[in-house]
């Protein structure tokens, strides 16, 4: 090849193009004591994208492990929770602990059970703060992904509400500082103390005459 045919690349040609950052994935926790359930669930949910965000799927195999994962990963958006694990009602006990002991009102809990008679849907939804009930015998890939999308939408709404509430609290606190409400309250207390002290001194002086 002659010198005249050698092409010099443009300096900008080799620079990587700026790509928009990928949004963080939603975190979904699968809690079940059957390994096949974990495998099938991952296959069903792998293609799912919601609001441009993919899923990061975590696993737990008991109610106790579920609580440990939620303590370690508080950003879990959806929990697919089996009822019967280390005990016949392990999943229900975990529901109550999540809401009451961990104080986690954000995670959406979808209860899955192969024995609906042990956990009747109406009673469970009413008493345990769950957001969906999925009998395993009737569970298809389409129904699972539909329930996950609905749960993620509910989770987003809760997070947005909490964000607005925090913003309003910050604005309210800033207004209080700017208006000097705290300073004025302190001034009133100080003046009240001065007046009280003056009255006491005056009374003592009169008694001494």
C-alpha atoms as a PDB file:
ATOM      1  CA  UNK A   1       0.000   0.000   0.000  1.00  0.00           C
ATOM      2  CA  UNK A   2       1.426   3.399  -0.979  1.00  0.00           C
ATOM      3  CA  UNK A   3       1.695   6.324   1.389  1.00  0.00           C
ATOM      4  CA  UNK A   4      -1.028   8.110  -0.523  1.00  0.00           C
ATOM      5  CA  UNK A   5      -3.574   5.387   0.286  1.00  0.00           C
ATOM      6  CA  UNK A   6      -2.956   5.293   4.048  1.00  0.00           C
ATOM      7  CA  UNK A   7      -5.926   6.795   5.874  1.00  0.00           C
ATOM      8  CA  UNK A   8      -5.377   8.607   9.138  1.00  0.00           C
ATOM      9  CA  UNK A   9      -8.375   8.143  11.476  1.00  0.00           C
ATOM     10  CA  UNK A  10     -10.101  11.252  12.684  1.00  0.00           C
ATOM     11  CA  UNK A  11      -9.191  11.920  16.349  1.00  0.00           C
ATOM     12  CA  UNK A  12     -12.846  11.817  17.377  1.00  0.00           C
ATOM     13  CA  UNK A  13     -13.565   8.572  15.565  1.00  0.00           C
ATOM     14  CA  UNK A  14     -12.078   6.372  18.294  1.00  0.00           C
ATOM     15  CA  UNK A  15     -13.736   8.174  21.199  1.00  0.00           C
ATOM     16  CA  UNK A  16     -16.576   6.226  22.846  1.00  0.00           C
ATOM     17  CA  UNK A  17     -19.986   7.737  22.363  1.00  0.00           C
ATOM     18  CA  UNK A  18     -21.689   9.024  25.470  1.00  0.00           C
ATOM     19  CA  UNK A  19     -24.451   6.632  26.479  1.00  0.00           C
ATOM     20  CA  UNK A  20     -27.208   7.613  28.890  1.00  0.00           C
ATOM     21  CA  UNK A  21     -26.778   5.861  32.239  1.00  0.00           C
ATOM     22  CA  UNK A  22     -28.941   2.812  32.683  1.00  0.00           C
ATOM     23  CA  UNK A  23     -31.526   3.177  35.447  1.00  0.00           C
ATOM     24  CA  UNK A  24     -31.080   0.973  38.480  1.00  0.00           C
ATOM     25  CA  UNK A  25     -33.024  -2.285  38.220  1.00  0.00           C
ATOM     26  CA  UNK A  26     -35.980  -3.049  40.428  1.00  0.00           C
ATOM     27  CA  UNK A  27     -35.114  -5.579  43.127  1.00  0.00           C
ATOM     28  CA  UNK A  28     -37.408  -8.609  43.374  1.00  0.00           C
ATOM     29  CA  UNK A  29     -37.011 -11.183  46.144  1.00  0.00           C
ATOM     30  CA  UNK A  30     -38.193 -14.764  45.584  1.00  0.00           C
ATOM     31  CA  UNK A  31     -38.765 -16.634  48.870  1.00  0.00           C
ATOM     32  CA  UNK A  32     -39.496 -20.337  48.429  1.00  0.00           C
ATOM     33  CA  UNK A  33     -38.042 -23.585  49.766  1.00  0.00           C
ATOM     34  CA  UNK A  34     -38.250 -25.292  46.353  1.00  0.00           C
ATOM     35  CA  UNK A  35     -35.263 -24.640  44.104  1.00  0.00           C
ATOM     36  CA  UNK A  36     -37.302 -25.396  40.961  1.00  0.00           C
ATOM     37  CA  UNK A  37     -39.598 -22.479  41.798  1.00  0.00           C
ATOM     38  CA  UNK A  38     -36.617 -20.120  41.889  1.00  0.00           C
ATOM     39  CA  UNK A  39     -35.387 -21.417  38.532  1.00  0.00           C
ATOM     40  CA  UNK A  40     -38.761 -21.163  36.782  1.00  0.00           C
ATOM     41  CA  UNK A  41     -39.456 -17.712  38.247  1.00  0.00           C
ATOM     42  CA  UNK A  42     -36.133 -16.361  36.969  1.00  0.00           C
ATOM     43  CA  UNK A  43     -36.859 -17.684  33.476  1.00  0.00           C
ATOM     44  CA  UNK A  44     -40.343 -16.120  33.473  1.00  0.00           C
ATOM     45  CA  UNK A  45     -39.188 -12.717  34.747  1.00  0.00           C
ATOM     46  CA  UNK A  46     -35.893 -12.402  32.871  1.00  0.00           C
ATOM     47  CA  UNK A  47     -37.379 -10.525  29.865  1.00  0.00           C
ATOM     48  CA  UNK A  48     -39.508  -8.178  31.964  1.00  0.00           C
ATOM     49  CA  UNK A  49     -38.786  -4.451  31.706  1.00  0.00           C
ATOM     50  CA  UNK A  50     -40.928  -1.868  33.534  1.00  0.00           C
ATOM     51  CA  UNK A  51     -40.515   1.886  33.020  1.00  0.00           C
ATOM     52  CA  UNK A  52     -37.223   1.201  31.281  1.00  0.00           C
ATOM     53  CA  UNK A  53     -35.875  -0.739  34.263  1.00  0.00           C
ATOM     54  CA  UNK A  54     -34.971  -4.419  34.320  1.00  0.00           C
ATOM     55  CA  UNK A  55     -35.156  -6.706  37.364  1.00  0.00           C
ATOM     56  CA  UNK A  56     -32.500  -7.872  39.796  1.00  0.00           C
ATOM     57  CA  UNK A  57     -33.763 -11.084  41.366  1.00  0.00           C
ATOM     58  CA  UNK A  58     -32.649 -12.243  44.816  1.00  0.00           C
ATOM     59  CA  UNK A  59     -33.410 -15.573  46.486  1.00  0.00           C
ATOM     60  CA  UNK A  60     -34.325 -16.745  49.974  1.00  0.00           C
ATOM     61  CA  UNK A  61     -35.282 -20.268  51.018  1.00  0.00           C
ATOM     62  CA  UNK A  62     -36.925 -19.669  54.395  1.00  0.00           C
ATOM     63  CA  UNK A  63     -38.867 -17.008  56.269  1.00  0.00           C
ATOM     64  CA  UNK A  64     -35.861 -16.272  58.475  1.00  0.00           C
ATOM     65  CA  UNK A  65     -33.611 -15.779  55.442  1.00  0.00           C
ATOM     66  CA  UNK A  66     -36.272 -13.570  53.852  1.00  0.00           C
ATOM     67  CA  UNK A  67     -36.178 -11.193  56.820  1.00  0.00           C
ATOM     68  CA  UNK A  68     -32.372 -11.102  56.751  1.00  0.00           C
ATOM     69  CA  UNK A  69     -32.344 -10.232  53.050  1.00  0.00           C
ATOM     70  CA  UNK A  70     -34.900  -7.459  53.543  1.00  0.00           C
ATOM     71  CA  UNK A  71     -32.820  -5.982  56.359  1.00  0.00           C
ATOM     72  CA  UNK A  72     -29.754  -6.065  54.123  1.00  0.00           C
ATOM     73  CA  UNK A  73     -31.588  -4.934  50.966  1.00  0.00           C
ATOM     74  CA  UNK A  74     -34.267  -2.414  52.038  1.00  0.00           C
ATOM     75  CA  UNK A  75     -34.821  -1.349  48.419  1.00  0.00           C
ATOM     76  CA  UNK A  76     -36.590  -4.629  47.543  1.00  0.00           C
ATOM     77  CA  UNK A  77     -39.679  -3.574  45.580  1.00  0.00           C
ATOM     78  CA  UNK A  78     -41.568  -6.873  45.303  1.00  0.00           C
ATOM     79  CA  UNK A  79     -41.488 -10.027  47.408  1.00  0.00           C
ATOM     80  CA  UNK A  80     -42.793 -13.308  45.960  1.00  0.00           C
ATOM     81  CA  UNK A  81     -43.414 -15.217  49.168  1.00  0.00           C
ATOM     82  CA  UNK A  82     -44.305 -18.867  49.655  1.00  0.00           C
ATOM     83  CA  UNK A  83     -46.586 -19.684  52.590  1.00  0.00           C
ATOM     84  CA  UNK A  84     -45.269 -23.123  53.564  1.00  0.00           C
ATOM     85  CA  UNK A  85     -41.496 -23.187  54.125  1.00  0.00           C
ATOM     86  CA  UNK A  86     -39.853 -24.114  57.432  1.00  0.00           C
ATOM     87  CA  UNK A  87     -43.355 -24.312  58.915  1.00  0.00           C
ATOM     88  CA  UNK A  88     -46.922 -24.416  57.591  1.00  0.00           C
ATOM     89  CA  UNK A  89     -47.361 -20.695  58.223  1.00  0.00           C
ATOM     90  CA  UNK A  90     -43.802 -19.418  57.845  1.00  0.00           C
ATOM     91  CA  UNK A  91     -44.742 -17.043  55.034  1.00  0.00           C
ATOM     92  CA  UNK A  92     -47.602 -15.517  57.001  1.00  0.00           C
ATOM     93  CA  UNK A  93     -45.328 -15.010  60.005  1.00  0.00           C
ATOM     94  CA  UNK A  94     -42.833 -13.303  57.696  1.00  0.00           C
ATOM     95  CA  UNK A  95     -45.559 -10.952  56.379  1.00  0.00           C
ATOM     96  CA  UNK A  96     -46.387  -9.791  59.876  1.00  0.00           C
ATOM     97  CA  UNK A  97     -42.716  -9.370  60.811  1.00  0.00           C
ATOM     98  CA  UNK A  98     -42.017  -7.352  57.647  1.00  0.00           C
ATOM     99  CA  UNK A  99     -44.819  -4.887  58.332  1.00  0.00           C
ATOM    100  CA  UNK A 100     -44.620  -4.691  62.127  1.00  0.00           C
ATOM    101  CA  UNK A 101     -41.051  -5.531  63.193  1.00  0.00           C
ATOM    102  CA  UNK A 102     -39.082  -4.242  60.206  1.00  0.00           C
ATOM    103  CA  UNK A 103     -41.578  -1.417  59.669  1.00  0.00           C
ATOM    104  CA  UNK A 104     -41.342  -1.915  55.898  1.00  0.00           C
ATOM    105  CA  UNK A 105     -44.532  -0.586  54.320  1.00  0.00           C
ATOM    106  CA  UNK A 106     -43.016  -0.166  50.854  1.00  0.00           C
ATOM    107  CA  UNK A 107     -42.258  -3.706  49.662  1.00  0.00           C
ATOM    108  CA  UNK A 108     -45.193  -5.202  47.765  1.00  0.00           C
ATOM    109  CA  UNK A 109     -45.871  -8.747  48.976  1.00  0.00           C
ATOM    110  CA  UNK A 110     -47.291 -11.314  46.553  1.00  0.00           C
ATOM    111  CA  UNK A 111     -48.149 -14.499  48.401  1.00  0.00           C
ATOM    112  CA  UNK A 112     -47.750 -17.789  46.541  1.00  0.00           C
ATOM    113  CA  UNK A 113     -49.108 -21.038  47.876  1.00  0.00           C
ATOM    114  CA  UNK A 114     -49.579 -24.579  46.669  1.00  0.00           C
ATOM    115  CA  UNK A 115     -52.100 -25.235  49.432  1.00  0.00           C
ATOM    116  CA  UNK A 116     -54.766 -22.497  49.299  1.00  0.00           C
ATOM    117  CA  UNK A 117     -56.769 -24.152  52.085  1.00  0.00           C
ATOM    118  CA  UNK A 118     -54.004 -23.402  54.584  1.00  0.00           C
ATOM    119  CA  UNK A 119     -54.128 -19.703  53.788  1.00  0.00           C
ATOM    120  CA  UNK A 120     -57.588 -18.617  52.534  1.00  0.00           C
ATOM    121  CA  UNK A 121     -57.257 -15.611  50.240  1.00  0.00           C
ATOM    122  CA  UNK A 122     -59.808 -13.298  51.880  1.00  0.00           C
ATOM    123  CA  UNK A 123     -58.453 -13.796  55.411  1.00  0.00           C
ATOM    124  CA  UNK A 124     -54.828 -13.453  54.335  1.00  0.00           C
ATOM    125  CA  UNK A 125     -55.360 -10.251  52.373  1.00  0.00           C
ATOM    126  CA  UNK A 126     -57.341  -8.768  55.264  1.00  0.00           C
ATOM    127  CA  UNK A 127     -55.079  -9.768  58.138  1.00  0.00           C
ATOM    128  CA  UNK A 128     -51.505  -9.833  56.813  1.00  0.00           C
ATOM    129  CA  UNK A 129     -51.014  -6.727  54.683  1.00  0.00           C
ATOM    130  CA  UNK A 130     -50.277  -8.516  51.410  1.00  0.00           C
ATOM    131  CA  UNK A 131     -50.800  -7.058  47.955  1.00  0.00           C
ATOM    132  CA  UNK A 132     -51.571 -10.144  45.874  1.00  0.00           C
ATOM    133  CA  UNK A 133     -52.482 -13.824  46.213  1.00  0.00           C
ATOM    134  CA  UNK A 134     -51.202 -16.385  43.707  1.00  0.00           C
ATOM    135  CA  UNK A 135     -52.245 -20.057  43.971  1.00  0.00           C
ATOM    136  CA  UNK A 136     -49.388 -22.007  42.358  1.00  0.00           C
ATOM    137  CA  UNK A 137     -51.782 -24.362  40.561  1.00  0.00           C
ATOM    138  CA  UNK A 138     -53.307 -21.450  38.632  1.00  0.00           C
ATOM    139  CA  UNK A 139     -50.100 -19.471  38.120  1.00  0.00           C
ATOM    140  CA  UNK A 140     -49.018 -18.909  34.523  1.00  0.00           C
ATOM    141  CA  UNK A 141     -46.054 -16.936  33.246  1.00  0.00           C
ATOM    142  CA  UNK A 142     -48.405 -14.249  31.890  1.00  0.00           C
ATOM    143  CA  UNK A 143     -50.288 -13.895  35.168  1.00  0.00           C
ATOM    144  CA  UNK A 144     -47.033 -13.729  37.127  1.00  0.00           C
ATOM    145  CA  UNK A 145     -45.570 -10.946  34.977  1.00  0.00           C
ATOM    146  CA  UNK A 146     -48.873  -9.049  35.079  1.00  0.00           C
ATOM    147  CA  UNK A 147     -48.940  -9.209  38.879  1.00  0.00           C
ATOM    148  CA  UNK A 148     -45.302  -8.113  39.057  1.00  0.00           C
ATOM    149  CA  UNK A 149     -45.978  -5.095  36.830  1.00  0.00           C
ATOM    150  CA  UNK A 150     -48.975  -4.101  38.954  1.00  0.00           C
ATOM    151  CA  UNK A 151     -46.911  -4.448  42.131  1.00  0.00           C
ATOM    152  CA  UNK A 152     -44.053  -2.369  40.687  1.00  0.00           C
ATOM    153  CA  UNK A 153     -46.500   0.376  39.719  1.00  0.00           C
ATOM    154  CA  UNK A 154     -47.867   0.409  43.273  1.00  0.00           C
ATOM    155  CA  UNK A 155     -44.329   0.492  44.674  1.00  0.00           C
ATOM    156  CA  UNK A 156     -43.408   3.466  42.462  1.00  0.00           C
ATOM    157  CA  UNK A 157     -46.492   5.348  43.631  1.00  0.00           C
ATOM    158  CA  UNK A 158     -45.608   4.774  47.294  1.00  0.00           C
ATOM    159  CA  UNK A 159     -42.025   5.912  46.753  1.00  0.00           C
ATOM    160  CA  UNK A 160     -43.229   9.042  44.927  1.00  0.00           C
ATOM    161  CA  UNK A 161     -45.657   9.884  47.741  1.00  0.00           C
ATOM    162  CA  UNK A 162     -42.924   9.489  50.349  1.00  0.00           C
ATOM    163  CA  UNK A 163     -40.602  11.694  48.308  1.00  0.00           C
ATOM    164  CA  UNK A 164     -43.237  14.447  48.096  1.00  0.00           C
ATOM    165  CA  UNK A 165     -43.926  14.176  51.826  1.00  0.00           C
ATOM    166  CA  UNK A 166     -40.218  14.543  52.631  1.00  0.00           C
ATOM    167  CA  UNK A 167     -39.949  17.531  50.291  1.00  0.00           C
ATOM    168  CA  UNK A 168     -42.901  19.258  51.946  1.00  0.00           C
ATOM    169  CA  UNK A 169     -41.371  18.683  55.379  1.00  0.00           C
ATOM    170  CA  UNK A 170     -38.097  20.215  54.196  1.00  0.00           C
ATOM    171  CA  UNK A 171     -39.909  23.246  52.789  1.00  0.00           C
ATOM    172  CA  UNK A 172     -41.891  23.680  56.006  1.00  0.00           C
ATOM    173  CA  UNK A 173     -38.711  23.522  58.094  1.00  0.00           C
ATOM    174  CA  UNK A 174     -37.001  26.065  55.843  1.00  0.00           C
ATOM    175  CA  UNK A 175     -39.959  28.454  56.145  1.00  0.00           C
ATOM    176  CA  UNK A 176     -39.840  28.161  59.926  1.00  0.00           C
ATOM    177  CA  UNK A 177     -36.131  29.004  59.963  1.00  0.00           C
ATOM    178  CA  UNK A 178     -36.546  31.944  57.592  1.00  0.00           C
ATOM    179  CA  UNK A 179     -39.490  33.391  59.516  1.00  0.00           C
ATOM    180  CA  UNK A 180     -37.531  33.167  62.758  1.00  0.00           C
ATOM    181  CA  UNK A 181     -40.244  31.282  64.567  1.00  0.00           C
ATOM    182  CA  UNK A 182     -37.735  29.532  66.778  1.00  0.00           C
ATOM    183  CA  UNK A 183     -35.894  32.822  67.548  1.00  0.00           C
ATOM    184  CA  UNK A 184     -39.143  34.612  68.415  1.00  0.00           C
ATOM    185  CA  UNK A 185     -40.173  31.821  70.765  1.00  0.00           C
ATOM    186  CA  UNK A 186     -36.822  32.059  72.534  1.00  0.00           C
ATOM    187  CA  UNK A 187     -37.120  35.843  72.762  1.00  0.00           C
ATOM    188  CA  UNK A 188     -40.569  35.585  74.384  1.00  0.00           C
ATOM    189  CA  UNK A 189     -39.266  33.087  76.954  1.00  0.00           C
ATOM    190  CA  UNK A 190     -36.294  35.333  77.761  1.00  0.00           C
ATOM    191  CA  UNK A 191     -38.485  38.432  78.201  1.00  0.00           C
ATOM    192  CA  UNK A 192     -40.898  36.515  80.404  1.00  0.00           C
ATOM    193  CA  UNK A 193     -37.969  35.503  82.612  1.00  0.00           C
ATOM    194  CA  UNK A 194     -36.757  39.139  82.813  1.00  0.00           C
ATOM    195  CA  UNK A 195     -40.173  40.427  83.815  1.00  0.00           C
ATOM    196  CA  UNK A 196     -40.503  37.711  86.428  1.00  0.00           C
ATOM    197  CA  UNK A 197     -37.100  38.511  87.871  1.00  0.00           C
ATOM    198  CA  UNK A 198     -37.894  42.221  88.007  1.00  0.00           C
ATOM    199  CA  UNK A 199     -41.123  41.598  89.850  1.00  0.00           C
ATOM    200  CA  UNK A 200     -39.352  39.444  92.400  1.00  0.00           C
ATOM    201  CA  UNK A 201     -36.657  42.045  93.015  1.00  0.00           C
ATOM    202  CA  UNK A 202     -39.260  44.775  93.424  1.00  0.00           C
ATOM    203  CA  UNK A 203     -41.155  42.764  96.012  1.00  0.00           C
ATOM    204  CA  UNK A 204     -37.997  41.992  97.952  1.00  0.00           C
ATOM    205  CA  UNK A 205     -36.970  45.669  97.934  1.00  0.00           C
ATOM    206  CA  UNK A 206     -40.339  46.804  99.236  1.00  0.00           C
ATOM    207  CA  UNK A 207     -40.210  44.337 102.092  1.00  0.00           C
ATOM    208  CA  UNK A 208     -36.861  45.625 103.185  1.00  0.00           C
ATOM    209  CA  UNK A 209     -37.964  49.256 103.626  1.00  0.00           C
END
